[in-house]
Amino acid sequence: MRLIMIFFISLFLCDGYSQDIKYTFVFLNTRDDKPELPKGEVDELMKGHLANIQRLANEGKLLVAGPFDGGGGIFIFRGNSSDSVRQWMSTDPGIKANRWKLELFPYIPRVGSVCSVDSNVEMVTYTFIRYISTITKFNVQKAGETFKKHDDYLKKIIKTGNVVTEGIFPNRDGGILIMKGDVDPALIEADPSMSDTVFTTEFKKLWVGKGSFCESD
């Protein structure tokens, strides 16, 4: 029975998006257990971190980079090879020093897209909402219905005109929603799918170059 359930979950989680994946999304999560370093050493690591970002952008590998208010941030790379992305990031002094916990996901934008912007572009702040998948053997049977309810609710939010971009991590690994201005958490929690405990959410403020998600205003 246990093997049958694992097989069923594996079949359900295969979205069939492999031919459409053009990007890899990386979360740089702040480590609570990172060692305290002298300010000068931290400054040097960040200087090298920023220089590496610029180099990867100049090479056309890194398309979007932005920090979160409070620490951590995101990268969006061209291509869907996690091995290649890890190799590209291995030259980052901050990553080599284990300053962040990394998460990599194939990424498909469904609203907006991914655009490379000039390093001198205006910086903007958006509300960043991450949907974290919590599918287990206890809720997988209703996950299909739950994802449909979630997508239907997102369509209503998108109609408000405040959505900058929305995208998914295939294989039911969740997704992101980026919106203009401050967002009342109640708006996101009103999603009917939340009661099915297939998702949890995280709210952050993202600082990023204007136009990074191909937005025009």
N, C-alpha and C. Protein backbone atom coordinates (compact mmCIF):
# COMPACT_ATOMS: atom_id res chain seq x y z
N MET A 1 0.83 -1.21 0.00
CA MET A 1 0.00 0.00 0.00
C MET A 1 0.86 1.26 0.00
N ARG A 2 1.93 1.24 0.81
CA ARG A 2 2.80 2.42 0.88
C ARG A 2 3.44 2.70 -0.48
N LEU A 3 3.88 1.64 -1.19
CA LEU A 3 4.49 1.83 -2.51
C LEU A 3 3.47 2.36 -3.51
N ILE A 4 2.24 1.90 -3.41
CA ILE A 4 1.18 2.38 -4.30
C ILE A 4 0.94 3.86 -4.08
N MET A 5 0.92 4.29 -2.81
CA MET A 5 0.68 5.70 -2.50
C MET A 5 1.83 6.56 -3.02
N ILE A 6 3.08 6.11 -2.83
CA ILE A 6 4.22 6.86 -3.34
C ILE A 6 4.15 7.00 -4.86
N PHE A 7 3.75 5.91 -5.54
CA PHE A 7 3.63 5.94 -7.00
C PHE A 7 2.54 6.92 -7.42
N PHE A 8 1.42 6.92 -6.70
CA PHE A 8 0.30 7.81 -7.02
C PHE A 8 0.72 9.26 -6.86
N ILE A 9 1.43 9.56 -5.76
CA ILE A 9 1.90 10.93 -5.53
C ILE A 9 2.86 11.34 -6.64
N SER A 10 3.75 10.44 -7.03
CA SER A 10 4.73 10.76 -8.07
C SER A 10 4.04 11.08 -9.39
N LEU A 11 3.01 10.30 -9.74
CA LEU A 11 2.27 10.57 -10.97
C LEU A 11 1.57 11.91 -10.91
N PHE A 12 0.97 12.21 -9.75
CA PHE A 12 0.23 13.47 -9.61
C PHE A 12 1.15 14.67 -9.72
N LEU A 13 2.36 14.54 -9.18
CA LEU A 13 3.26 15.68 -9.14
C LEU A 13 3.93 15.97 -10.48
N CYS A 14 3.82 15.09 -11.44
CA CYS A 14 4.43 15.34 -12.75
C CYS A 14 3.52 16.23 -13.57
N ASP A 15 3.89 17.49 -13.76
CA ASP A 15 3.04 18.46 -14.43
C ASP A 15 3.14 18.41 -15.95
N GLY A 16 4.19 17.82 -16.49
CA GLY A 16 4.33 17.80 -17.93
C GLY A 16 4.80 19.11 -18.52
N TYR A 17 5.51 19.92 -17.75
CA TYR A 17 5.96 21.22 -18.20
C TYR A 17 7.40 21.22 -18.71
N SER A 18 8.04 20.07 -18.77
CA SER A 18 9.49 20.05 -18.99
C SER A 18 9.91 20.77 -20.27
N GLN A 19 9.07 20.73 -21.31
CA GLN A 19 9.43 21.37 -22.57
C GLN A 19 9.32 22.88 -22.51
N ASP A 20 8.60 23.42 -21.51
CA ASP A 20 8.32 24.85 -21.45
C ASP A 20 9.21 25.60 -20.47
N ILE A 21 10.04 24.91 -19.73
CA ILE A 21 10.81 25.56 -18.66
C ILE A 21 12.02 26.27 -19.25
N LYS A 22 12.08 27.59 -19.04
CA LYS A 22 13.17 28.39 -19.57
C LYS A 22 14.04 29.00 -18.48
N TYR A 23 13.58 28.91 -17.22
CA TYR A 23 14.26 29.63 -16.14
C TYR A 23 14.45 28.75 -14.91
N THR A 24 15.43 29.15 -14.10
CA THR A 24 15.64 28.54 -12.78
C THR A 24 15.55 29.64 -11.74
N PHE A 25 14.71 29.43 -10.75
CA PHE A 25 14.47 30.39 -9.68
C PHE A 25 15.25 29.95 -8.45
N VAL A 26 15.97 30.88 -7.85
CA VAL A 26 16.79 30.56 -6.68
C VAL A 26 16.39 31.45 -5.51
N PHE A 27 16.12 30.83 -4.37
CA PHE A 27 15.94 31.56 -3.12
C PHE A 27 17.25 31.53 -2.35
N LEU A 28 17.71 32.70 -1.94
CA LEU A 28 18.85 32.81 -1.03
C LEU A 28 18.28 33.12 0.34
N ASN A 29 18.11 32.09 1.15
CA ASN A 29 17.48 32.23 2.46
C ASN A 29 18.52 32.53 3.53
N THR A 30 18.25 33.54 4.33
CA THR A 30 19.17 33.90 5.41
C THR A 30 19.33 32.74 6.38
N ARG A 31 20.54 32.44 6.73
CA ARG A 31 20.82 31.36 7.69
C ARG A 31 20.85 31.93 9.10
N ASP A 32 20.04 31.36 9.97
CA ASP A 32 20.05 31.78 11.38
C ASP A 32 21.31 31.30 12.09
N ASP A 33 21.94 30.26 11.53
CA ASP A 33 23.10 29.67 12.18
C ASP A 33 24.43 30.12 11.56
N LYS A 34 24.39 31.15 10.72
CA LYS A 34 25.64 31.59 10.10
C LYS A 34 26.55 32.22 11.16
N PRO A 35 27.84 32.00 11.05
CA PRO A 35 28.77 32.53 12.06
C PRO A 35 28.87 34.05 12.00
N GLU A 36 29.09 34.65 13.14
CA GLU A 36 29.33 36.09 13.20
C GLU A 36 30.74 36.37 12.67
N LEU A 37 30.82 37.33 11.75
CA LEU A 37 32.11 37.69 11.16
C LEU A 37 32.39 39.16 11.41
N PRO A 38 33.65 39.55 11.41
CA PRO A 38 33.97 40.98 11.52
C PRO A 38 33.34 41.76 10.38
N LYS A 39 32.95 42.99 10.65
CA LYS A 39 32.28 43.81 9.65
C LYS A 39 33.10 43.92 8.37
N GLY A 40 34.39 44.07 8.48
CA GLY A 40 35.22 44.19 7.30
C GLY A 40 35.14 42.96 6.41
N GLU A 41 35.09 41.78 7.05
CA GLU A 41 35.01 40.53 6.28
C GLU A 41 33.65 40.40 5.60
N VAL A 42 32.59 40.78 6.33
CA VAL A 42 31.25 40.75 5.74
C VAL A 42 31.16 41.70 4.55
N ASP A 43 31.73 42.89 4.71
CA ASP A 43 31.71 43.87 3.62
C ASP A 43 32.43 43.34 2.38
N GLU A 44 33.54 42.65 2.58
CA GLU A 44 34.29 42.09 1.46
C GLU A 44 33.49 40.98 0.77
N LEU A 45 32.81 40.15 1.57
CA LEU A 45 31.98 39.10 0.99
C LEU A 45 30.86 39.69 0.15
N MET A 46 30.21 40.75 0.66
CA MET A 46 29.12 41.38 -0.07
C MET A 46 29.63 42.07 -1.33
N LYS A 47 30.80 42.67 -1.25
CA LYS A 47 31.40 43.30 -2.42
C LYS A 47 31.63 42.26 -3.52
N GLY A 48 32.18 41.11 -3.13
CA GLY A 48 32.39 40.04 -4.08
C GLY A 48 31.09 39.46 -4.60
N HIS A 49 30.09 39.37 -3.72
CA HIS A 49 28.76 38.88 -4.08
C HIS A 49 28.16 39.75 -5.17
N LEU A 50 28.20 41.07 -4.99
CA LEU A 50 27.63 42.00 -5.96
C LEU A 50 28.41 41.97 -7.27
N ALA A 51 29.73 41.85 -7.18
CA ALA A 51 30.54 41.78 -8.39
C ALA A 51 30.23 40.52 -9.19
N ASN A 52 29.99 39.43 -8.49
CA ASN A 52 29.67 38.17 -9.16
C ASN A 52 28.30 38.26 -9.83
N ILE A 53 27.35 38.92 -9.16
CA ILE A 53 26.03 39.14 -9.76
C ILE A 53 26.18 39.89 -11.08
N GLN A 54 26.96 40.97 -11.07
CA GLN A 54 27.14 41.77 -12.27
C GLN A 54 27.81 40.97 -13.38
N ARG A 55 28.80 40.15 -13.01
CA ARG A 55 29.49 39.34 -14.02
C ARG A 55 28.54 38.34 -14.67
N LEU A 56 27.75 37.65 -13.85
CA LEU A 56 26.81 36.67 -14.39
C LEU A 56 25.74 37.33 -15.24
N ALA A 57 25.34 38.55 -14.85
CA ALA A 57 24.37 39.30 -15.66
C ALA A 57 24.99 39.70 -17.00
N ASN A 58 26.23 40.15 -16.97
CA ASN A 58 26.91 40.54 -18.20
C ASN A 58 27.09 39.36 -19.15
N GLU A 59 27.21 38.17 -18.58
CA GLU A 59 27.38 36.96 -19.40
C GLU A 59 26.04 36.43 -19.91
N GLY A 60 24.93 37.06 -19.50
CA GLY A 60 23.61 36.65 -19.95
C GLY A 60 23.05 35.45 -19.23
N LYS A 61 23.68 35.05 -18.14
CA LYS A 61 23.22 33.89 -17.38
C LYS A 61 22.19 34.27 -16.32
N LEU A 62 22.47 35.35 -15.60
CA LEU A 62 21.59 35.81 -14.52
C LEU A 62 20.72 36.94 -15.06
N LEU A 63 19.40 36.76 -14.98
CA LEU A 63 18.47 37.74 -15.54
C LEU A 63 17.90 38.67 -14.49
N VAL A 64 17.63 38.15 -13.30
CA VAL A 64 17.02 38.95 -12.23
C VAL A 64 17.72 38.64 -10.91
N ALA A 65 18.00 39.69 -10.15
CA ALA A 65 18.55 39.54 -8.80
C ALA A 65 17.96 40.63 -7.93
N GLY A 66 17.52 40.27 -6.74
CA GLY A 66 16.96 41.28 -5.85
C GLY A 66 16.96 40.81 -4.41
N PRO A 67 17.24 41.72 -3.48
CA PRO A 67 17.24 41.35 -2.06
C PRO A 67 15.86 41.51 -1.43
N PHE A 68 15.63 40.75 -0.37
CA PHE A 68 14.45 40.92 0.47
C PHE A 68 14.77 41.88 1.60
N ASP A 69 13.78 42.66 1.98
CA ASP A 69 13.91 43.47 3.18
C ASP A 69 14.07 42.52 4.37
N GLY A 70 15.14 42.68 5.13
CA GLY A 70 15.37 41.80 6.27
C GLY A 70 16.38 40.70 6.01
N GLY A 71 16.84 40.58 4.75
CA GLY A 71 17.86 39.58 4.45
C GLY A 71 17.42 38.55 3.44
N GLY A 72 18.40 37.98 2.76
CA GLY A 72 18.10 37.00 1.73
C GLY A 72 17.69 37.68 0.43
N GLY A 73 17.27 36.88 -0.54
CA GLY A 73 16.86 37.45 -1.81
C GLY A 73 16.59 36.37 -2.84
N ILE A 74 16.53 36.79 -4.11
CA ILE A 74 16.23 35.86 -5.19
C ILE A 74 17.19 36.07 -6.36
N PHE A 75 17.37 35.01 -7.12
CA PHE A 75 18.00 35.04 -8.44
C PHE A 75 17.03 34.36 -9.40
N ILE A 76 17.00 34.82 -10.65
CA ILE A 76 16.35 34.07 -11.72
C ILE A 76 17.37 33.92 -12.84
N PHE A 77 17.70 32.67 -13.16
CA PHE A 77 18.70 32.37 -14.18
C PHE A 77 18.04 31.91 -15.47
N ARG A 78 18.74 32.16 -16.56
CA ARG A 78 18.33 31.62 -17.85
C ARG A 78 18.65 30.12 -17.87
N GLY A 79 17.72 29.32 -18.37
CA GLY A 79 17.96 27.88 -18.49
C GLY A 79 17.36 27.09 -17.34
N ASN A 80 17.22 25.79 -17.56
CA ASN A 80 16.56 24.94 -16.57
C ASN A 80 17.47 23.87 -15.99
N SER A 81 18.79 24.04 -16.14
CA SER A 81 19.72 23.06 -15.58
C SER A 81 20.19 23.51 -14.20
N SER A 82 19.74 22.81 -13.18
CA SER A 82 20.14 23.18 -11.82
C SER A 82 21.64 22.95 -11.61
N ASP A 83 22.20 21.95 -12.30
CA ASP A 83 23.64 21.71 -12.18
C ASP A 83 24.44 22.89 -12.72
N SER A 84 24.01 23.42 -13.87
CA SER A 84 24.70 24.58 -14.44
C SER A 84 24.58 25.79 -13.53
N VAL A 85 23.38 26.00 -13.00
CA VAL A 85 23.15 27.16 -12.13
C VAL A 85 24.01 27.06 -10.88
N ARG A 86 24.08 25.88 -10.30
CA ARG A 86 24.93 25.71 -9.10
C ARG A 86 26.40 25.99 -9.44
N GLN A 87 26.82 25.57 -10.61
CA GLN A 87 28.20 25.83 -11.02
C GLN A 87 28.44 27.33 -11.18
N TRP A 88 27.49 28.04 -11.80
CA TRP A 88 27.63 29.49 -11.97
C TRP A 88 27.69 30.19 -10.62
N MET A 89 26.87 29.74 -9.67
CA MET A 89 26.84 30.39 -8.36
C MET A 89 28.05 30.05 -7.50
N SER A 90 28.77 29.01 -7.87
CA SER A 90 29.89 28.56 -7.03
C SER A 90 31.03 29.57 -6.98
N THR A 91 31.00 30.55 -7.89
CA THR A 91 32.04 31.59 -7.88
C THR A 91 31.68 32.77 -6.98
N ASP A 92 30.51 32.72 -6.36
CA ASP A 92 30.05 33.81 -5.49
C ASP A 92 30.70 33.66 -4.11
N PRO A 93 31.48 34.65 -3.66
CA PRO A 93 32.15 34.53 -2.35
C PRO A 93 31.17 34.34 -1.20
N GLY A 94 30.01 35.00 -1.25
CA GLY A 94 29.03 34.87 -0.18
C GLY A 94 28.44 33.48 -0.12
N ILE A 95 28.20 32.89 -1.29
CA ILE A 95 27.67 31.53 -1.34
C ILE A 95 28.73 30.53 -0.92
N LYS A 96 29.96 30.75 -1.36
CA LYS A 96 31.06 29.86 -0.94
C LYS A 96 31.26 29.90 0.57
N ALA A 97 30.96 31.07 1.17
CA ALA A 97 31.09 31.22 2.63
C ALA A 97 29.85 30.72 3.37
N ASN A 98 28.89 30.15 2.61
CA ASN A 98 27.69 29.54 3.21
C ASN A 98 26.85 30.56 3.98
N ARG A 99 26.71 31.76 3.42
CA ARG A 99 25.94 32.82 4.09
C ARG A 99 24.44 32.66 3.89
N TRP A 100 24.04 31.86 2.90
CA TRP A 100 22.62 31.64 2.64
C TRP A 100 22.34 30.16 2.45
N LYS A 101 21.11 29.78 2.73
CA LYS A 101 20.63 28.45 2.38
C LYS A 101 19.92 28.56 1.03
N LEU A 102 20.37 27.79 0.06
CA LEU A 102 19.86 27.92 -1.30
C LEU A 102 18.73 26.93 -1.58
N GLU A 103 17.73 27.40 -2.33
CA GLU A 103 16.68 26.54 -2.87
C GLU A 103 16.57 26.85 -4.36
N LEU A 104 16.59 25.83 -5.20
CA LEU A 104 16.51 25.99 -6.64
C LEU A 104 15.26 25.30 -7.17
N PHE A 105 14.55 25.99 -8.06
CA PHE A 105 13.34 25.43 -8.67
C PHE A 105 13.29 25.79 -10.16
N PRO A 106 12.85 24.86 -11.01
CA PRO A 106 12.49 25.28 -12.36
C PRO A 106 11.32 26.25 -12.25
N TYR A 107 11.26 27.23 -13.14
CA TYR A 107 10.28 28.31 -12.97
C TYR A 107 9.58 28.62 -14.28
N ILE A 108 8.24 28.74 -14.21
CA ILE A 108 7.43 29.12 -15.36
C ILE A 108 6.56 30.32 -14.98
N PRO A 109 6.83 31.51 -15.55
CA PRO A 109 5.95 32.65 -15.30
C PRO A 109 4.65 32.49 -16.07
N ARG A 110 3.52 32.81 -15.43
CA ARG A 110 2.23 32.72 -16.10
C ARG A 110 1.62 34.11 -16.34
N VAL A 111 2.02 35.07 -15.51
CA VAL A 111 1.68 36.48 -15.72
C VAL A 111 2.99 37.25 -15.68
N GLY A 112 3.18 38.17 -16.63
CA GLY A 112 4.49 38.81 -16.72
C GLY A 112 5.50 37.81 -17.25
N SER A 113 6.77 38.15 -17.13
CA SER A 113 7.81 37.25 -17.61
C SER A 113 9.11 37.56 -16.86
N VAL A 114 10.23 37.30 -17.49
CA VAL A 114 11.54 37.56 -16.89
C VAL A 114 12.34 38.38 -17.89
N CYS A 115 12.78 39.58 -17.49
CA CYS A 115 13.51 40.47 -18.39
C CYS A 115 14.80 40.95 -17.72
N SER A 116 15.86 40.98 -18.49
CA SER A 116 17.12 41.55 -18.02
C SER A 116 17.05 43.07 -18.12
N VAL A 117 17.45 43.77 -17.05
CA VAL A 117 17.41 45.23 -17.06
C VAL A 117 18.81 45.78 -16.82
N ASP A 118 19.02 47.03 -17.20
CA ASP A 118 20.31 47.68 -17.02
C ASP A 118 20.62 47.85 -15.54
N SER A 119 21.89 47.78 -15.19
CA SER A 119 22.29 47.89 -13.78
C SER A 119 21.97 49.26 -13.19
N ASN A 120 21.77 50.26 -14.04
CA ASN A 120 21.47 51.61 -13.55
C ASN A 120 19.98 51.92 -13.53
N VAL A 121 19.15 50.90 -13.75
CA VAL A 121 17.71 51.12 -13.79
C VAL A 121 17.18 51.51 -12.41
N GLU A 122 16.03 52.18 -12.39
CA GLU A 122 15.38 52.54 -11.13
C GLU A 122 15.03 51.28 -10.34
N MET A 123 15.26 51.32 -9.03
CA MET A 123 14.90 50.20 -8.16
C MET A 123 13.51 50.44 -7.58
N VAL A 124 12.72 49.38 -7.48
CA VAL A 124 11.37 49.48 -6.94
C VAL A 124 11.17 48.40 -5.87
N THR A 125 10.17 48.61 -5.03
CA THR A 125 9.84 47.65 -3.98
C THR A 125 8.47 47.06 -4.26
N TYR A 126 8.39 45.73 -4.24
CA TYR A 126 7.14 45.02 -4.45
C TYR A 126 6.87 44.10 -3.26
N THR A 127 5.60 43.74 -3.11
CA THR A 127 5.24 42.70 -2.14
C THR A 127 5.42 41.34 -2.80
N PHE A 128 6.19 40.49 -2.14
CA PHE A 128 6.53 39.17 -2.67
C PHE A 128 5.83 38.12 -1.82
N ILE A 129 5.02 37.31 -2.46
CA ILE A 129 4.29 36.24 -1.76
C ILE A 129 4.74 34.90 -2.32
N ARG A 130 5.20 34.05 -1.45
CA ARG A 130 5.60 32.71 -1.87
C ARG A 130 4.58 31.69 -1.38
N TYR A 131 4.14 30.84 -2.30
CA TYR A 131 3.26 29.72 -1.96
C TYR A 131 4.12 28.47 -1.83
N ILE A 132 4.16 27.91 -0.65
CA ILE A 132 4.99 26.74 -0.38
C ILE A 132 4.11 25.50 -0.33
N SER A 133 4.38 24.55 -1.20
CA SER A 133 3.57 23.34 -1.27
C SER A 133 3.78 22.46 -0.03
N THR A 134 2.68 21.99 0.52
CA THR A 134 2.74 21.09 1.68
C THR A 134 1.93 19.82 1.40
N ILE A 135 2.06 19.30 0.17
CA ILE A 135 1.34 18.09 -0.20
C ILE A 135 1.94 16.88 0.52
N THR A 136 1.07 16.10 1.12
CA THR A 136 1.46 14.87 1.80
C THR A 136 0.52 13.75 1.38
N LYS A 137 0.77 12.56 1.88
CA LYS A 137 -0.11 11.43 1.57
C LYS A 137 -1.51 11.65 2.15
N PHE A 138 -1.63 12.58 3.10
CA PHE A 138 -2.92 12.81 3.75
C PHE A 138 -3.80 13.79 2.97
N ASN A 139 -3.20 14.64 2.13
CA ASN A 139 -4.03 15.59 1.40
C ASN A 139 -3.86 15.50 -0.12
N VAL A 140 -3.04 14.56 -0.60
CA VAL A 140 -2.76 14.48 -2.03
C VAL A 140 -4.01 14.18 -2.85
N GLN A 141 -4.97 13.44 -2.29
CA GLN A 141 -6.14 13.05 -3.06
C GLN A 141 -7.02 14.24 -3.43
N LYS A 142 -6.98 15.30 -2.63
CA LYS A 142 -7.78 16.48 -2.96
C LYS A 142 -6.93 17.61 -3.53
N ALA A 143 -5.65 17.33 -3.78
CA ALA A 143 -4.75 18.39 -4.24
C ALA A 143 -5.14 18.92 -5.61
N GLY A 144 -5.60 18.06 -6.51
CA GLY A 144 -5.99 18.53 -7.84
C GLY A 144 -7.09 19.56 -7.76
N GLU A 145 -8.11 19.27 -6.97
CA GLU A 145 -9.22 20.21 -6.79
C GLU A 145 -8.73 21.49 -6.11
N THR A 146 -7.83 21.33 -5.14
CA THR A 146 -7.31 22.49 -4.42
C THR A 146 -6.52 23.42 -5.34
N PHE A 147 -5.67 22.85 -6.20
CA PHE A 147 -4.89 23.68 -7.12
C PHE A 147 -5.81 24.43 -8.08
N LYS A 148 -6.90 23.82 -8.49
CA LYS A 148 -7.85 24.52 -9.37
C LYS A 148 -8.48 25.69 -8.64
N LYS A 149 -8.89 25.48 -7.40
CA LYS A 149 -9.46 26.59 -6.62
C LYS A 149 -8.44 27.71 -6.45
N HIS A 150 -7.20 27.33 -6.23
CA HIS A 150 -6.13 28.31 -6.07
C HIS A 150 -5.95 29.12 -7.35
N ASP A 151 -5.89 28.44 -8.48
CA ASP A 151 -5.70 29.14 -9.76
C ASP A 151 -6.88 30.05 -10.07
N ASP A 152 -8.08 29.59 -9.78
CA ASP A 152 -9.27 30.42 -10.02
C ASP A 152 -9.24 31.68 -9.16
N TYR A 153 -8.79 31.55 -7.93
CA TYR A 153 -8.72 32.72 -7.04
C TYR A 153 -7.63 33.68 -7.51
N LEU A 154 -6.50 33.14 -7.97
CA LEU A 154 -5.43 33.99 -8.49
C LEU A 154 -5.92 34.81 -9.68
N LYS A 155 -6.75 34.22 -10.52
CA LYS A 155 -7.28 34.95 -11.68
C LYS A 155 -8.08 36.17 -11.24
N LYS A 156 -8.79 36.05 -10.13
CA LYS A 156 -9.54 37.19 -9.61
C LYS A 156 -8.60 38.28 -9.12
N ILE A 157 -7.52 37.88 -8.44
CA ILE A 157 -6.54 38.86 -7.96
C ILE A 157 -5.87 39.56 -9.14
N ILE A 158 -5.55 38.80 -10.17
CA ILE A 158 -4.88 39.36 -11.35
C ILE A 158 -5.74 40.43 -12.01
N LYS A 159 -7.04 40.25 -11.97
CA LYS A 159 -7.95 41.22 -12.59
C LYS A 159 -7.92 42.58 -11.90
N THR A 160 -7.39 42.65 -10.68
CA THR A 160 -7.32 43.94 -9.98
C THR A 160 -6.30 44.87 -10.61
N GLY A 161 -5.37 44.32 -11.39
CA GLY A 161 -4.35 45.13 -12.04
C GLY A 161 -3.13 45.41 -11.18
N ASN A 162 -3.09 44.85 -9.98
CA ASN A 162 -1.96 45.10 -9.08
C ASN A 162 -0.89 44.02 -9.14
N VAL A 163 -1.10 43.01 -9.96
CA VAL A 163 -0.14 41.91 -10.04
C VAL A 163 0.98 42.26 -11.02
N VAL A 164 2.21 42.18 -10.56
CA VAL A 164 3.38 42.42 -11.40
C VAL A 164 3.74 41.14 -12.16
N THR A 165 3.79 40.05 -11.45
CA THR A 165 4.06 38.75 -12.07
C THR A 165 3.52 37.64 -11.18
N GLU A 166 3.26 36.51 -11.80
CA GLU A 166 2.84 35.31 -11.08
C GLU A 166 3.42 34.13 -11.82
N GLY A 167 3.92 33.16 -11.07
CA GLY A 167 4.51 32.00 -11.72
C GLY A 167 4.53 30.79 -10.81
N ILE A 168 4.84 29.66 -11.40
CA ILE A 168 4.80 28.40 -10.66
C ILE A 168 6.14 27.69 -10.74
N PHE A 169 6.37 26.86 -9.73
CA PHE A 169 7.46 25.90 -9.73
C PHE A 169 6.84 24.55 -10.07
N PRO A 170 7.11 23.99 -11.25
CA PRO A 170 6.46 22.74 -11.65
C PRO A 170 6.69 21.61 -10.64
N ASN A 171 5.99 20.52 -10.88
CA ASN A 171 6.01 19.36 -9.98
C ASN A 171 5.36 19.70 -8.64
N ARG A 172 4.41 20.65 -8.71
CA ARG A 172 3.62 21.02 -7.52
C ARG A 172 4.49 21.51 -6.38
N ASP A 173 5.54 22.28 -6.70
CA ASP A 173 6.42 22.82 -5.67
C ASP A 173 6.05 24.24 -5.27
N GLY A 174 4.83 24.65 -5.60
CA GLY A 174 4.37 25.98 -5.19
C GLY A 174 4.60 27.01 -6.27
N GLY A 175 4.72 28.27 -5.84
CA GLY A 175 4.90 29.35 -6.81
C GLY A 175 5.05 30.68 -6.11
N ILE A 176 4.98 31.76 -6.91
CA ILE A 176 5.14 33.10 -6.36
C ILE A 176 4.07 34.03 -6.94
N LEU A 177 3.80 35.08 -6.20
CA LEU A 177 2.92 36.16 -6.64
C LEU A 177 3.59 37.46 -6.20
N ILE A 178 3.83 38.37 -7.14
CA ILE A 178 4.46 39.65 -6.83
C ILE A 178 3.48 40.76 -7.17
N MET A 179 3.23 41.63 -6.19
CA MET A 179 2.22 42.66 -6.35
C MET A 179 2.76 44.04 -6.01
N LYS A 180 2.13 45.05 -6.58
CA LYS A 180 2.48 46.44 -6.30
C LYS A 180 1.94 46.85 -4.93
N GLY A 181 2.68 47.72 -4.26
CA GLY A 181 2.20 48.30 -3.01
C GLY A 181 2.13 47.32 -1.87
N ASP A 182 1.46 47.76 -0.79
CA ASP A 182 1.25 46.89 0.37
C ASP A 182 0.05 45.99 0.11
N VAL A 183 0.16 44.76 0.52
CA VAL A 183 -0.91 43.78 0.30
C VAL A 183 -1.42 43.30 1.65
N ASP A 184 -2.72 43.40 1.84
CA ASP A 184 -3.34 42.91 3.07
C ASP A 184 -3.26 41.38 3.08
N PRO A 185 -2.63 40.78 4.09
CA PRO A 185 -2.56 39.32 4.14
C PRO A 185 -3.92 38.64 4.05
N ALA A 186 -4.97 39.35 4.48
CA ALA A 186 -6.31 38.78 4.43
C ALA A 186 -6.73 38.46 2.99
N LEU A 187 -6.23 39.25 2.03
CA LEU A 187 -6.54 39.00 0.62
C LEU A 187 -6.01 37.64 0.19
N ILE A 188 -4.81 37.32 0.61
CA ILE A 188 -4.20 36.04 0.24
C ILE A 188 -4.81 34.89 1.03
N GLU A 189 -5.08 35.14 2.30
CA GLU A 189 -5.64 34.09 3.16
C GLU A 189 -7.08 33.76 2.80
N ALA A 190 -7.75 34.65 2.04
CA ALA A 190 -9.13 34.38 1.61
C ALA A 190 -9.18 33.37 0.46
N ASP A 191 -8.04 33.00 -0.06
CA ASP A 191 -7.95 31.97 -1.10
C ASP A 191 -8.60 30.69 -0.58
N PRO A 192 -9.64 30.18 -1.26
CA PRO A 192 -10.32 28.97 -0.78
C PRO A 192 -9.40 27.77 -0.60
N SER A 193 -8.30 27.75 -1.33
CA SER A 193 -7.39 26.60 -1.23
C SER A 193 -6.63 26.57 0.08
N MET A 194 -6.56 27.70 0.78
CA MET A 194 -5.79 27.75 2.02
C MET A 194 -6.35 26.80 3.08
N SER A 195 -7.65 26.61 3.07
CA SER A 195 -8.27 25.75 4.09
C SER A 195 -7.93 24.27 3.88
N ASP A 196 -7.43 23.93 2.71
CA ASP A 196 -7.09 22.53 2.42
C ASP A 196 -5.65 22.19 2.82
N THR A 197 -4.93 23.17 3.36
CA THR A 197 -3.56 22.99 3.88
C THR A 197 -2.60 22.39 2.86
N VAL A 198 -2.82 22.68 1.58
CA VAL A 198 -1.89 22.25 0.54
C VAL A 198 -0.80 23.29 0.34
N PHE A 199 -1.06 24.52 0.80
CA PHE A 199 -0.07 25.59 0.73
C PHE A 199 0.12 26.23 2.10
N THR A 200 1.33 26.73 2.32
CA THR A 200 1.55 27.77 3.32
C THR A 200 2.12 28.97 2.56
N THR A 201 2.06 30.15 3.17
CA THR A 201 2.51 31.35 2.46
C THR A 201 3.56 32.10 3.27
N GLU A 202 4.41 32.83 2.55
CA GLU A 202 5.38 33.74 3.15
C GLU A 202 5.25 35.09 2.47
N PHE A 203 5.30 36.16 3.26
CA PHE A 203 5.23 37.53 2.74
C PHE A 203 6.57 38.21 2.97
N LYS A 204 7.09 38.87 1.93
CA LYS A 204 8.32 39.65 2.05
C LYS A 204 8.21 40.88 1.17
N LYS A 205 9.13 41.83 1.39
CA LYS A 205 9.28 42.97 0.50
C LYS A 205 10.52 42.72 -0.36
N LEU A 206 10.34 42.82 -1.68
CA LEU A 206 11.43 42.57 -2.63
C LEU A 206 11.86 43.89 -3.26
N TRP A 207 13.16 44.11 -3.28
CA TRP A 207 13.76 45.28 -3.91
C TRP A 207 14.42 44.82 -5.19
N VAL A 208 13.99 45.36 -6.34
CA VAL A 208 14.43 44.81 -7.62
C VAL A 208 14.40 45.90 -8.68
N GLY A 209 15.16 45.71 -9.75
CA GLY A 209 15.17 46.67 -10.84
C GLY A 209 13.83 46.73 -11.55
N LYS A 210 13.35 47.95 -11.80
CA LYS A 210 12.07 48.11 -12.48
C LYS A 210 12.14 47.52 -13.88
N GLY A 211 11.16 46.71 -14.22
CA GLY A 211 11.13 46.03 -15.51
C GLY A 211 11.67 44.62 -15.48
N SER A 212 12.12 44.16 -14.31
CA SER A 212 12.69 42.82 -14.20
C SER A 212 11.68 41.72 -14.55
N PHE A 213 10.39 42.05 -14.40
CA PHE A 213 9.35 41.07 -14.72
C PHE A 213 8.58 41.50 -15.97
N CYS A 214 9.26 42.34 -16.77
CA CYS A 214 8.72 42.83 -18.05
C CYS A 214 7.50 43.73 -17.85
N GLU A 215 7.37 44.28 -16.63
CA GLU A 215 6.27 45.20 -16.37
C GLU A 215 6.56 46.54 -17.04
N SER A 216 5.52 47.21 -17.50
CA SER A 216 5.71 48.46 -18.25
C SER A 216 5.48 49.70 -17.41
N ASP A 217 4.89 49.54 -16.21
CA ASP A 217 4.66 50.73 -15.38
C ASP A 217 4.91 50.42 -13.92
